[in-house]
Amino acid sequence: MLRATIPEEDPMRALYTKLIKDNSGVTAIEYGLIAALVAVVCIAAWKILGTDLSTSFSTIASSV
């Protein structure tokens, strides 16, 4: 008697397939990139405005 066997799925292959189809990590990466971009913009603005504010405060202090 011949019996049809169902091939067992390789557990590692099932894990890889699940990880490839999972999109939740993509969202976390996008949020991380946005946060990094905002941080870079804030640091650049802080550097530019910090120099201007220092000059302004020095001018005010010397005029008093």
PDB file of N, CA and C in Angstrom:
ATOM      1  N   MET A   1       0.841  -1.166   0.000  1.00  0.00           N
ATOM      2  CA  MET A   1       0.000   0.000   0.000  1.00  0.00           C
ATOM      3  C   MET A   1       0.899   1.247   0.000  1.00  0.00           C
ATOM      4  N   LEU A   2       0.643   2.169  -0.924  1.00  0.00           N
ATOM      5  CA  LEU A   2       1.388   3.411  -1.018  1.00  0.00           C
ATOM      6  C   LEU A   2       0.657   4.504  -0.261  1.00  0.00           C
ATOM      7  N   ARG A   3       1.392   5.155   0.521  1.00  0.00           N
ATOM      8  CA  ARG A   3       0.780   6.232   1.280  1.00  0.00           C
ATOM      9  C   ARG A   3       1.457   7.534   0.871  1.00  0.00           C
ATOM     10  N   ALA A   4       0.655   8.556   0.587  1.00  0.00           N
ATOM     11  CA  ALA A   4       1.201   9.856   0.208  1.00  0.00           C
ATOM     12  C   ALA A   4       1.744  10.524   1.461  1.00  0.00           C
ATOM     13  N   THR A   5       2.958  10.960   1.356  1.00  0.00           N
ATOM     14  CA  THR A   5       3.553  11.652   2.504  1.00  0.00           C
ATOM     15  C   THR A   5       3.549  13.147   2.246  1.00  0.00           C
ATOM     16  N   ILE A   6       3.269  13.862   3.263  1.00  0.00           N
ATOM     17  CA  ILE A   6       3.288  15.323   3.191  1.00  0.00           C
ATOM     18  C   ILE A   6       4.668  15.757   3.668  1.00  0.00           C
ATOM     19  N   PRO A   7       5.409  16.426   2.807  1.00  0.00           N
ATOM     20  CA  PRO A   7       6.741  16.852   3.248  1.00  0.00           C
ATOM     21  C   PRO A   7       6.636  17.879   4.363  1.00  0.00           C
ATOM     22  N   GLU A   8       7.444  17.668   5.392  1.00  0.00           N
ATOM     23  CA  GLU A   8       7.435  18.618   6.511  1.00  0.00           C
ATOM     24  C   GLU A   8       8.162  19.882   6.081  1.00  0.00           C
ATOM     25  N   GLU A   9       7.622  20.990   6.515  1.00  0.00           N
ATOM     26  CA  GLU A   9       8.234  22.265   6.174  1.00  0.00           C
ATOM     27  C   GLU A   9       9.451  22.483   7.071  1.00  0.00           C
ATOM     28  N   ASP A  10      10.520  22.920   6.476  1.00  0.00           N
ATOM     29  CA  ASP A  10      11.749  23.196   7.211  1.00  0.00           C
ATOM     30  C   ASP A  10      11.492  24.357   8.173  1.00  0.00           C
ATOM     31  N   PRO A  11      11.776  24.195   9.462  1.00  0.00           N
ATOM     32  CA  PRO A  11      11.486  25.274  10.419  1.00  0.00           C
ATOM     33  C   PRO A  11      12.266  26.560  10.134  1.00  0.00           C
ATOM     34  N   MET A  12      13.494  26.443   9.679  1.00  0.00           N
ATOM     35  CA  MET A  12      14.273  27.644   9.372  1.00  0.00           C
ATOM     36  C   MET A  12      13.682  28.367   8.170  1.00  0.00           C
ATOM     37  N   ARG A  13      13.239  27.610   7.195  1.00  0.00           N
ATOM     38  CA  ARG A  13      12.631  28.234   6.015  1.00  0.00           C
ATOM     39  C   ARG A  13      11.342  28.957   6.407  1.00  0.00           C
ATOM     40  N   ALA A  14      10.566  28.337   7.307  1.00  0.00           N
ATOM     41  CA  ALA A  14       9.335  28.969   7.775  1.00  0.00           C
ATOM     42  C   ALA A  14       9.649  30.268   8.518  1.00  0.00           C
ATOM     43  N   LEU A  15      10.726  30.257   9.312  1.00  0.00           N
ATOM     44  CA  LEU A  15      11.125  31.461  10.042  1.00  0.00           C
ATOM     45  C   LEU A  15      11.550  32.566   9.088  1.00  0.00           C
ATOM     46  N   TYR A  16      12.368  32.221   8.086  1.00  0.00           N
ATOM     47  CA  TYR A  16      12.808  33.216   7.106  1.00  0.00           C
ATOM     48  C   TYR A  16      11.626  33.789   6.334  1.00  0.00           C
ATOM     49  N   THR A  17      10.707  32.935   5.953  1.00  0.00           N
ATOM     50  CA  THR A  17       9.526  33.400   5.221  1.00  0.00           C
ATOM     51  C   THR A  17       8.710  34.360   6.082  1.00  0.00           C
ATOM     52  N   LYS A  18       8.563  34.011   7.358  1.00  0.00           N
ATOM     53  CA  LYS A  18       7.811  34.877   8.272  1.00  0.00           C
ATOM     54  C   LYS A  18       8.504  36.229   8.444  1.00  0.00           C
ATOM     55  N   LEU A  19       9.824  36.221   8.579  1.00  0.00           N
ATOM     56  CA  LEU A  19      10.562  37.469   8.753  1.00  0.00           C
ATOM     57  C   LEU A  19      10.504  38.343   7.508  1.00  0.00           C
ATOM     58  N   ILE A  20      10.550  37.731   6.336  1.00  0.00           N
ATOM     59  CA  ILE A  20      10.496  38.499   5.089  1.00  0.00           C
ATOM     60  C   ILE A  20       9.134  39.147   4.912  1.00  0.00           C
ATOM     61  N   LYS A  21       8.079  38.452   5.308  1.00  0.00           N
ATOM     62  CA  LYS A  21       6.725  38.997   5.133  1.00  0.00           C
ATOM     63  C   LYS A  21       6.342  39.988   6.230  1.00  0.00           C
ATOM     64  N   ASP A  22       7.119  40.041   7.320  1.00  0.00           N
ATOM     65  CA  ASP A  22       6.801  40.925   8.440  1.00  0.00           C
ATOM     66  C   ASP A  22       7.204  42.359   8.092  1.00  0.00           C
ATOM     67  N   ASN A  23       6.268  43.285   8.168  1.00  0.00           N
ATOM     68  CA  ASN A  23       6.519  44.688   7.817  1.00  0.00           C
ATOM     69  C   ASN A  23       6.650  45.595   9.029  1.00  0.00           C
ATOM     70  N   SER A  24       6.530  45.070  10.229  1.00  0.00           N
ATOM     71  CA  SER A  24       6.562  45.935  11.408  1.00  0.00           C
ATOM     72  C   SER A  24       7.944  46.547  11.623  1.00  0.00           C
ATOM     73  N   GLY A  25       8.990  45.865  11.251  1.00  0.00           N
ATOM     74  CA  GLY A  25      10.334  46.412  11.388  1.00  0.00           C
ATOM     75  C   GLY A  25      10.575  47.580  10.454  1.00  0.00           C
ATOM     76  N   VAL A  26       9.921  47.560   9.302  1.00  0.00           N
ATOM     77  CA  VAL A  26      10.089  48.638   8.328  1.00  0.00           C
ATOM     78  C   VAL A  26       9.585  49.951   8.914  1.00  0.00           C
ATOM     79  N   THR A  27       8.480  49.907   9.612  1.00  0.00           N
ATOM     80  CA  THR A  27       7.930  51.109  10.231  1.00  0.00           C
ATOM     81  C   THR A  27       8.881  51.653  11.289  1.00  0.00           C
ATOM     82  N   ALA A  28       9.475  50.781  12.082  1.00  0.00           N
ATOM     83  CA  ALA A  28      10.412  51.222  13.115  1.00  0.00           C
ATOM     84  C   ALA A  28      11.633  51.878  12.483  1.00  0.00           C
ATOM     85  N   ILE A  29      12.111  51.312  11.388  1.00  0.00           N
ATOM     86  CA  ILE A  29      13.264  51.903  10.696  1.00  0.00           C
ATOM     87  C   ILE A  29      12.904  53.277  10.152  1.00  0.00           C
ATOM     88  N   GLU A  30      11.713  53.414   9.591  1.00  0.00           N
ATOM     89  CA  GLU A  30      11.285  54.720   9.061  1.00  0.00           C
ATOM     90  C   GLU A  30      11.220  55.758  10.176  1.00  0.00           C
ATOM     91  N   TYR A  31      10.665  55.392  11.323  1.00  0.00           N
ATOM     92  CA  TYR A  31      10.595  56.331  12.442  1.00  0.00           C
ATOM     93  C   TYR A  31      11.993  56.685  12.933  1.00  0.00           C
ATOM     94  N   GLY A  32      12.894  55.732  12.933  1.00  0.00           N
ATOM     95  CA  GLY A  32      14.268  55.997  13.337  1.00  0.00           C
ATOM     96  C   GLY A  32      14.953  56.967  12.396  1.00  0.00           C
ATOM     97  N   LEU A  33      14.736  56.804  11.092  1.00  0.00           N
ATOM     98  CA  LEU A  33      15.329  57.724  10.122  1.00  0.00           C
ATOM     99  C   LEU A  33      14.762  59.128  10.255  1.00  0.00           C
ATOM    100  N   ILE A  34      13.466  59.228  10.493  1.00  0.00           N
ATOM    101  CA  ILE A  34      12.839  60.539  10.680  1.00  0.00           C
ATOM    102  C   ILE A  34      13.396  61.206  11.941  1.00  0.00           C
ATOM    103  N   ALA A  35      13.529  60.446  13.026  1.00  0.00           N
ATOM    104  CA  ALA A  35      14.073  61.007  14.268  1.00  0.00           C
ATOM    105  C   ALA A  35      15.516  61.472  14.068  1.00  0.00           C
ATOM    106  N   ALA A  36      16.300  60.701  13.320  1.00  0.00           N
ATOM    107  CA  ALA A  36      17.684  61.100  13.053  1.00  0.00           C
ATOM    108  C   ALA A  36      17.734  62.382  12.230  1.00  0.00           C
ATOM    109  N   LEU A  37      16.859  62.496  11.243  1.00  0.00           N
ATOM    110  CA  LEU A  37      16.811  63.705  10.421  1.00  0.00           C
ATOM    111  C   LEU A  37      16.420  64.925  11.252  1.00  0.00           C
ATOM    112  N   VAL A  38      15.444  64.770  12.109  1.00  0.00           N
ATOM    113  CA  VAL A  38      15.021  65.872  12.978  1.00  0.00           C
ATOM    114  C   VAL A  38      16.170  66.269  13.902  1.00  0.00           C
ATOM    115  N   ALA A  39      16.900  65.286  14.423  1.00  0.00           N
ATOM    116  CA  ALA A  39      18.027  65.585  15.301  1.00  0.00           C
ATOM    117  C   ALA A  39      19.117  66.356  14.559  1.00  0.00           C
ATOM    118  N   VAL A  40      19.403  65.971  13.330  1.00  0.00           N
ATOM    119  CA  VAL A  40      20.425  66.673  12.549  1.00  0.00           C
ATOM    120  C   VAL A  40      20.005  68.118  12.297  1.00  0.00           C
ATOM    121  N   VAL A  41      18.751  68.328  11.952  1.00  0.00           N
ATOM    122  CA  VAL A  41      18.256  69.678  11.706  1.00  0.00           C
ATOM    123  C   VAL A  41      18.319  70.508  12.989  1.00  0.00           C
ATOM    124  N   CYS A  42      17.940  69.926  14.114  1.00  0.00           N
ATOM    125  CA  CYS A  42      17.986  70.650  15.387  1.00  0.00           C
ATOM    126  C   CYS A  42      19.416  71.029  15.759  1.00  0.00           C
ATOM    127  N   ILE A  43      20.357  70.113  15.564  1.00  0.00           N
ATOM    128  CA  ILE A  43      21.754  70.405  15.899  1.00  0.00           C
ATOM    129  C   ILE A  43      22.302  71.507  14.997  1.00  0.00           C
ATOM    130  N   ALA A  44      21.979  71.454  13.712  1.00  0.00           N
ATOM    131  CA  ALA A  44      22.444  72.499  12.788  1.00  0.00           C
ATOM    132  C   ALA A  44      21.851  73.855  13.168  1.00  0.00           C
ATOM    133  N   ALA A  45      20.565  73.885  13.484  1.00  0.00           N
ATOM    134  CA  ALA A  45      19.923  75.143  13.875  1.00  0.00           C
ATOM    135  C   ALA A  45      20.516  75.661  15.187  1.00  0.00           C
ATOM    136  N   TRP A  46      20.810  74.775  16.104  1.00  0.00           N
ATOM    137  CA  TRP A  46      21.379  75.159  17.383  1.00  0.00           C
ATOM    138  C   TRP A  46      22.766  75.775  17.194  1.00  0.00           C
ATOM    139  N   LYS A  47      23.565  75.169  16.310  1.00  0.00           N
ATOM    140  CA  LYS A  47      24.904  75.712  16.032  1.00  0.00           C
ATOM    141  C   LYS A  47      24.805  77.111  15.422  1.00  0.00           C
ATOM    142  N   ILE A  48      23.930  77.283  14.447  1.00  0.00           N
ATOM    143  CA  ILE A  48      23.795  78.569  13.761  1.00  0.00           C
ATOM    144  C   ILE A  48      23.246  79.631  14.714  1.00  0.00           C
ATOM    145  N   LEU A  49      22.151  79.310  15.397  1.00  0.00           N
ATOM    146  CA  LEU A  49      21.545  80.285  16.299  1.00  0.00           C
ATOM    147  C   LEU A  49      22.397  80.532  17.528  1.00  0.00           C
ATOM    148  N   GLY A  50      23.131  79.529  17.978  1.00  0.00           N
ATOM    149  CA  GLY A  50      23.978  79.698  19.157  1.00  0.00           C
ATOM    150  C   GLY A  50      25.052  80.740  18.930  1.00  0.00           C
ATOM    151  N   THR A  51      25.650  80.723  17.756  1.00  0.00           N
ATOM    152  CA  THR A  51      26.673  81.727  17.426  1.00  0.00           C
ATOM    153  C   THR A  51      26.055  83.111  17.360  1.00  0.00           C
ATOM    154  N   ASP A  52      24.913  83.237  16.727  1.00  0.00           N
ATOM    155  CA  ASP A  52      24.238  84.534  16.629  1.00  0.00           C
ATOM    156  C   ASP A  52      23.807  85.048  18.002  1.00  0.00           C
ATOM    157  N   LEU A  53      23.290  84.163  18.839  1.00  0.00           N
ATOM    158  CA  LEU A  53      22.864  84.585  20.176  1.00  0.00           C
ATOM    159  C   LEU A  53      24.059  85.011  21.013  1.00  0.00           C
ATOM    160  N   SER A  54      25.155  84.301  20.890  1.00  0.00           N
ATOM    161  CA  SER A  54      26.354  84.667  21.641  1.00  0.00           C
ATOM    162  C   SER A  54      26.842  86.051  21.230  1.00  0.00           C
ATOM    163  N   THR A  55      26.830  86.327  19.940  1.00  0.00           N
ATOM    164  CA  THR A  55      27.232  87.648  19.446  1.00  0.00           C
ATOM    165  C   THR A  55      26.281  88.725  19.953  1.00  0.00           C
ATOM    166  N   SER A  56      24.984  88.436  19.916  1.00  0.00           N
ATOM    167  CA  SER A  56      23.988  89.419  20.385  1.00  0.00           C
ATOM    168  C   SER A  56      24.157  89.720  21.865  1.00  0.00           C
ATOM    169  N   PHE A  57      24.340  88.687  22.682  1.00  0.00           N
ATOM    170  CA  PHE A  57      24.519  88.893  24.118  1.00  0.00           C
ATOM    171  C   PHE A  57      25.819  89.640  24.414  1.00  0.00           C
ATOM    172  N   SER A  58      26.861  89.353  23.650  1.00  0.00           N
ATOM    173  CA  SER A  58      28.137  90.073  23.852  1.00  0.00           C
ATOM    174  C   SER A  58      27.983  91.548  23.523  1.00  0.00           C
ATOM    175  N   THR A  59      27.240  91.842  22.449  1.00  0.00           N
ATOM    176  CA  THR A  59      27.001  93.236  22.061  1.00  0.00           C
ATOM    177  C   THR A  59      26.208  93.961  23.134  1.00  0.00           C
ATOM    178  N   ILE A  60      25.181  93.326  23.647  1.00  0.00           N
ATOM    179  CA  ILE A  60      24.340  93.938  24.680  1.00  0.00           C
ATOM    180  C   ILE A  60      25.167  94.158  25.947  1.00  0.00           C
ATOM    181  N   ALA A  61      25.976  93.158  26.323  1.00  0.00           N
ATOM    182  CA  ALA A  61      26.768  93.273  27.552  1.00  0.00           C
ATOM    183  C   ALA A  61      27.814  94.382  27.454  1.00  0.00           C
ATOM    184  N   SER A  62      28.382  94.556  26.269  1.00  0.00           N
ATOM    185  CA  SER A  62      29.425  95.602  26.130  1.00  0.00           C
ATOM    186  C   SER A  62      28.822  96.984  26.059  1.00  0.00           C
ATOM    187  N   SER A  63      27.555  97.096  25.685  1.00  0.00           N
ATOM    188  CA  SER A  63      26.934  98.426  25.597  1.00  0.00           C
ATOM    189  C   SER A  63      26.397  98.913  26.929  1.00  0.00           C
ATOM    190  N   VAL A  64      26.315  98.075  27.895  1.00  0.00           N
ATOM    191  CA  VAL A  64      25.746  98.453  29.193  1.00  0.00           C
ATOM    192  C   VAL A  64      26.710  99.097  30.076  1.00  0.00           C
TER     193      VAL A  64
END
